Protein backbone atom coordinates (compact mmCIF):
# COMPACT_ATOMS: atom_id res chain seq x y z
CA MET A 1 0.00 0.00 0.00
CA ALA A 2 1.29 3.41 -0.97
CA PRO A 3 2.20 5.70 1.92
CA PRO A 4 -0.20 8.58 2.58
CA PRO A 5 0.79 11.88 0.97
CA PRO A 6 2.73 14.20 3.25
CA ALA A 7 0.76 16.83 5.12
CA PRO A 8 1.01 20.26 3.53
CA THR A 9 3.39 22.69 5.16
CA PRO A 10 2.03 25.78 6.96
CA ALA A 11 3.22 27.92 4.07
CA ALA A 12 1.36 25.72 1.58
CA ARG A 13 -1.82 25.87 3.65
CA LEU A 14 -1.50 29.64 3.95
CA LEU A 15 -0.97 30.00 0.21
CA ARG A 16 -3.93 27.74 -0.57
CA GLU A 17 -6.20 29.70 1.76
CA TYR A 18 -5.04 33.23 0.99
CA GLY A 19 -3.19 32.97 -2.32
CA TRP A 20 -5.92 34.68 -4.33
CA ASP A 21 -6.10 37.49 -1.76
CA LEU A 22 -2.34 37.92 -1.90
CA MET A 23 -2.46 38.27 -5.67
CA LEU A 24 -5.28 40.82 -5.67
CA GLY A 25 -3.77 42.72 -2.76
CA SER A 26 -0.39 42.92 -4.48
CA ILE A 27 -1.93 44.39 -7.61
CA ALA A 28 -3.98 46.92 -5.63
CA ALA A 29 -0.91 47.91 -3.58
CA PHE A 30 1.13 48.34 -6.76
CA TYR A 31 -1.47 50.75 -8.13
CA ALA A 32 -1.56 52.68 -4.84
CA VAL A 33 2.24 53.03 -4.72
CA MET A 34 2.58 53.99 -8.37
CA VAL A 35 -0.29 56.51 -8.28
CA PRO A 36 -0.42 57.82 -4.68
CA TYR A 37 -1.75 61.28 -5.39
CA THR A 38 -5.30 62.54 -5.12
CA LYS A 39 -7.83 63.14 -7.86
CA VAL A 40 -10.23 66.02 -7.32
CA GLU A 41 -13.23 63.80 -6.63
CA GLU A 42 -11.29 62.08 -3.82
CA SER A 43 -10.36 65.34 -2.12
CA PHE A 44 -13.31 65.44 0.30
CA ASN A 45 -12.57 62.11 1.96
CA VAL A 46 -8.78 62.54 1.79
CA GLN A 47 -9.01 65.92 3.50
CA ALA A 48 -11.48 64.54 6.02
CA MET A 49 -9.13 61.68 6.91
CA HIS A 50 -6.24 64.15 7.21
CA ASP A 51 -8.20 66.35 9.62
CA ILE A 52 -9.38 63.40 11.71
CA LEU A 53 -5.86 61.95 11.95
CA TYR A 54 -3.91 65.18 12.49
CA HIS A 55 -6.42 67.54 14.17
CA ASN A 56 -8.41 64.91 16.09
CA TYR A 57 -10.96 66.61 18.31
CA HIS A 58 -9.89 70.17 17.34
CA ILE A 59 -12.92 70.60 15.11
CA ASP A 60 -12.25 74.32 14.62
CA LYS A 61 -9.18 73.42 12.53
CA TYR A 62 -11.08 71.18 10.11
CA ASP A 63 -10.85 72.31 6.51
CA HIS A 64 -14.53 71.72 5.77
CA LEU A 65 -15.68 74.45 8.12
CA GLU A 66 -14.22 76.98 5.69
CA PHE A 67 -14.76 74.97 2.49
CA PRO A 68 -17.89 72.87 3.08
CA GLY A 69 -18.55 72.20 -0.60
CA VAL A 70 -21.77 72.52 -2.55
CA VAL A 71 -23.25 69.16 -1.48
CA PRO A 72 -23.47 67.92 2.13
CA ARG A 73 -21.44 64.73 2.50
CA THR A 74 -20.78 62.23 5.24
CA PHE A 75 -17.63 61.81 7.30
CA ILE A 76 -18.55 58.25 8.32
CA GLY A 77 -16.44 56.44 5.72
CA ALA A 78 -13.45 58.73 6.30
CA LEU A 79 -13.82 58.27 10.07
CA VAL A 80 -13.76 54.47 9.83
CA ILE A 81 -10.69 54.40 7.57
CA ALA A 82 -8.93 57.04 9.70
CA ILE A 83 -9.50 55.00 12.88
CA LEU A 84 -8.11 51.85 11.24
CA SER A 85 -5.11 53.82 9.90
CA SER A 86 -4.38 55.74 13.10
CA PRO A 87 -1.76 53.37 14.65
CA ALA A 88 0.42 53.45 11.53
CA VAL A 89 -0.09 57.19 11.02
CA LEU A 90 0.84 57.81 14.67
CA ILE A 91 4.17 56.05 14.10
CA ILE A 92 4.71 57.99 10.86
CA SER A 93 4.07 61.27 12.68
CA ALA A 94 6.33 60.33 15.62
CA PHE A 95 9.28 59.79 13.25
CA HIS A 96 8.45 62.93 11.21
CA VAL A 97 8.02 60.95 8.02
CA PRO A 98 6.55 63.01 5.14
CA LYS A 99 2.76 63.07 5.01
CA ILE A 100 2.70 61.41 1.61
CA TYR A 101 3.30 58.14 3.47
CA SER A 102 0.24 58.80 5.63
CA LEU A 103 -1.73 59.23 2.44
CA LEU A 104 -0.34 55.94 1.15
CA THR A 105 -1.23 54.30 4.46
CA VAL A 106 -4.88 55.29 4.36
CA ARG A 107 -5.07 54.16 0.73
CA LEU A 108 -3.66 50.74 1.62
CA VAL A 109 -5.98 50.41 4.62
CA LEU A 110 -8.96 51.25 2.44
CA GLY A 111 -7.78 48.66 -0.08
CA CYS A 112 -7.56 46.06 2.71
CA VAL A 113 -11.15 46.83 3.74
CA ILE A 114 -12.44 46.53 0.18
CA LEU A 115 -10.51 43.34 -0.56
CA THR A 116 -11.61 41.79 2.75
CA THR A 117 -15.26 42.26 1.81
CA LEU A 118 -14.45 41.00 -1.69
CA ARG A 119 -12.93 37.89 -0.11
CA LEU A 120 -16.16 37.25 1.83
CA PHE A 121 -18.05 37.45 -1.45
CA ARG A 122 -15.50 35.21 -3.21
CA VAL A 123 -15.71 32.54 -0.53
CA GLU A 124 -19.48 32.37 -0.98
CA VAL A 125 -18.97 32.14 -4.77
CA LYS A 126 -16.66 29.14 -4.19
CA LYS A 127 -19.17 27.45 -1.86
CA LYS A 128 -22.03 27.95 -4.28
CA PHE A 129 -20.37 27.37 -7.68
CA GLY A 130 -17.06 25.61 -7.01
CA ARG A 131 -13.35 26.37 -7.28
CA HIS A 132 -13.32 26.84 -11.07
CA VAL A 133 -15.84 29.67 -10.90
CA GLU A 134 -13.92 31.16 -7.97
CA ALA A 135 -10.73 31.12 -10.04
CA PHE A 136 -12.50 32.73 -13.00
CA PHE A 137 -13.93 35.38 -10.65
CA VAL A 138 -10.48 36.24 -9.28
CA VAL A 139 -8.74 36.26 -12.67
CA LEU A 140 -11.46 38.46 -14.14
CA THR A 141 -11.07 40.86 -11.20
CA ALA A 142 -7.28 40.89 -11.54
CA ILE A 143 -7.18 41.70 -15.25
CA GLN A 144 -9.70 44.53 -14.91
CA PHE A 145 -7.81 47.72 -14.11
CA HIS A 146 -10.80 49.58 -12.69
CA VAL A 147 -11.70 47.48 -9.64
CA LEU A 148 -8.27 47.09 -8.07
CA PHE A 149 -7.09 50.59 -8.94
CA TYR A 150 -10.12 52.27 -7.39
CA SER A 151 -10.18 49.94 -4.38
CA THR A 152 -7.62 52.28 -2.77
CA ARG A 153 -9.31 55.53 -3.78
CA PRO A 154 -11.56 57.02 -1.05
CA LEU A 155 -14.61 57.75 -3.18
CA PRO A 156 -18.21 57.40 -1.93
CA ASN A 157 -18.96 54.68 -4.46
CA ILE A 158 -15.89 52.70 -3.32
CA LEU A 159 -17.01 52.95 0.31
CA ALA A 160 -20.45 51.76 -0.81
CA PHE A 161 -18.75 48.97 -2.77
CA ALA A 162 -17.63 47.38 0.51
CA LEU A 163 -21.24 47.15 1.65
CA VAL A 164 -22.32 45.80 -1.74
CA ASN A 165 -19.76 42.99 -1.42
CA LEU A 166 -21.13 42.23 2.04
CA ALA A 167 -24.69 42.29 0.69
CA TYR A 168 -23.88 39.78 -2.04
CA SER A 169 -22.07 37.50 0.41
CA PHE A 170 -25.11 37.58 2.73
CA TRP A 171 -27.40 36.96 -0.24
CA PHE A 172 -25.45 33.88 -1.30
CA LYS A 173 -25.60 32.64 2.29
CA GLY A 174 -29.39 33.01 2.23
CA ASN A 175 -29.36 35.74 4.89
CA TYR A 176 -31.84 38.09 3.22
CA LEU A 177 -32.25 40.38 6.23
CA ARG A 178 -28.53 41.20 6.33
CA THR A 179 -28.51 41.65 2.56
CA LEU A 180 -31.19 44.33 2.73
CA GLN A 181 -29.63 45.99 5.78
CA ALA A 182 -26.25 46.32 4.05
CA LEU A 183 -27.80 47.82 0.93
CA ILE A 184 -29.96 50.24 2.94
CA VAL A 185 -26.91 51.52 4.83
CA ALA A 186 -25.01 51.89 1.54
CA ALA A 187 -27.91 53.85 0.01
CA VAL A 188 -28.58 56.09 3.02
CA VAL A 189 -24.99 56.83 4.01
CA PHE A 190 -22.90 56.72 0.82
CA ARG A 191 -24.78 56.56 -2.49
CA CYS A 192 -28.50 57.20 -2.98
CA ASP A 193 -28.39 55.46 -6.38
CA MET A 194 -27.85 52.21 -4.48
CA ILE A 195 -31.65 52.25 -4.23
CA LEU A 196 -31.67 50.80 -7.76
CA LEU A 197 -29.74 47.73 -6.65
CA LEU A 198 -31.75 47.53 -3.44
CA GLY A 199 -34.96 47.64 -5.47
CA THR A 200 -33.96 44.88 -7.89
CA ILE A 201 -32.71 42.59 -5.13
CA GLY A 202 -35.81 43.39 -3.06
CA VAL A 203 -38.07 42.43 -5.97
CA THR A 204 -36.09 39.21 -6.41
CA LEU A 205 -36.55 38.33 -2.75
CA LEU A 206 -40.27 39.06 -3.01
CA LEU A 207 -40.52 36.73 -6.00
CA VAL A 208 -38.69 34.04 -4.02
CA PHE A 209 -41.10 34.55 -1.16
CA PHE A 210 -44.21 34.34 -3.30
CA SER A 211 -42.89 31.40 -5.33
CA ASN A 212 -42.06 29.04 -2.45
CA GLY A 213 -44.17 30.41 0.42
CA SER A 214 -41.42 29.58 2.86
CA CYS A 215 -42.21 30.32 6.49
CA LYS A 216 -38.53 30.98 7.03
CA VAL A 217 -38.49 33.70 4.39
CA LEU A 218 -41.70 35.16 5.85
CA HIS A 219 -40.14 35.27 9.29
CA LYS A 220 -37.05 37.05 7.99
CA HIS A 221 -39.18 39.48 6.00
CA CYS A 222 -41.24 40.38 9.07
CA SER A 223 -38.07 40.76 11.13
CA PHE A 224 -36.69 43.14 8.51
CA VAL A 225 -39.88 45.25 8.54
CA HIS A 226 -39.71 45.42 12.34
CA TRP A 227 -36.02 46.42 12.20
CA PHE A 228 -36.64 49.06 9.52
CA HIS A 229 -39.50 50.71 11.42
CA GLY A 230 -37.52 50.58 14.62
CA THR A 231 -34.65 52.52 13.06
CA SER A 232 -36.79 55.11 11.31
């Protein structure tokens, strides 16, 4: 009888589990390093993260008091990324490293957030459709410039993209309540045009409900209605 195959090494297990993430993360990091500077449409969130990280609670020094812009916008996305970036930025400030590296830090942290939610979606794709579809999904993402380049750009639609990835991962899991919650937060906080995606997925879930009459779906639907009215 042939001897059993040797157990994979820790490095092999790590590569098998996170190899796709390493590839996508490397490409996104390359884009962030090669193009670290800010486009005009990113300036609101970049300036907001700068003020949160460097002025902290000194609200009177925030740039947006003097230049609020023509459209009211939220600080929530910038606040989350700034909090996650704060340990690294604190070290950068302590050693008087140029601020361009703080900008690169927040870009890389944002990319990690986006790619983490994309991983959750990818894992559900693998569970539902198999490894070949997962591989096609990753390769298609890698060869498209747009997704990985903009994953490190602090735009409202990129911040909403994280919630969309979560919504699709919840949808594939069959957790319809969490799917709708994620899309509602994305629409209310970041992008109102997310209502279009929320509407189409909501109609799909209604068709599923009416087609199978599942008590489980009914229970989740009622729980969602209760949650929605409780937050309004």
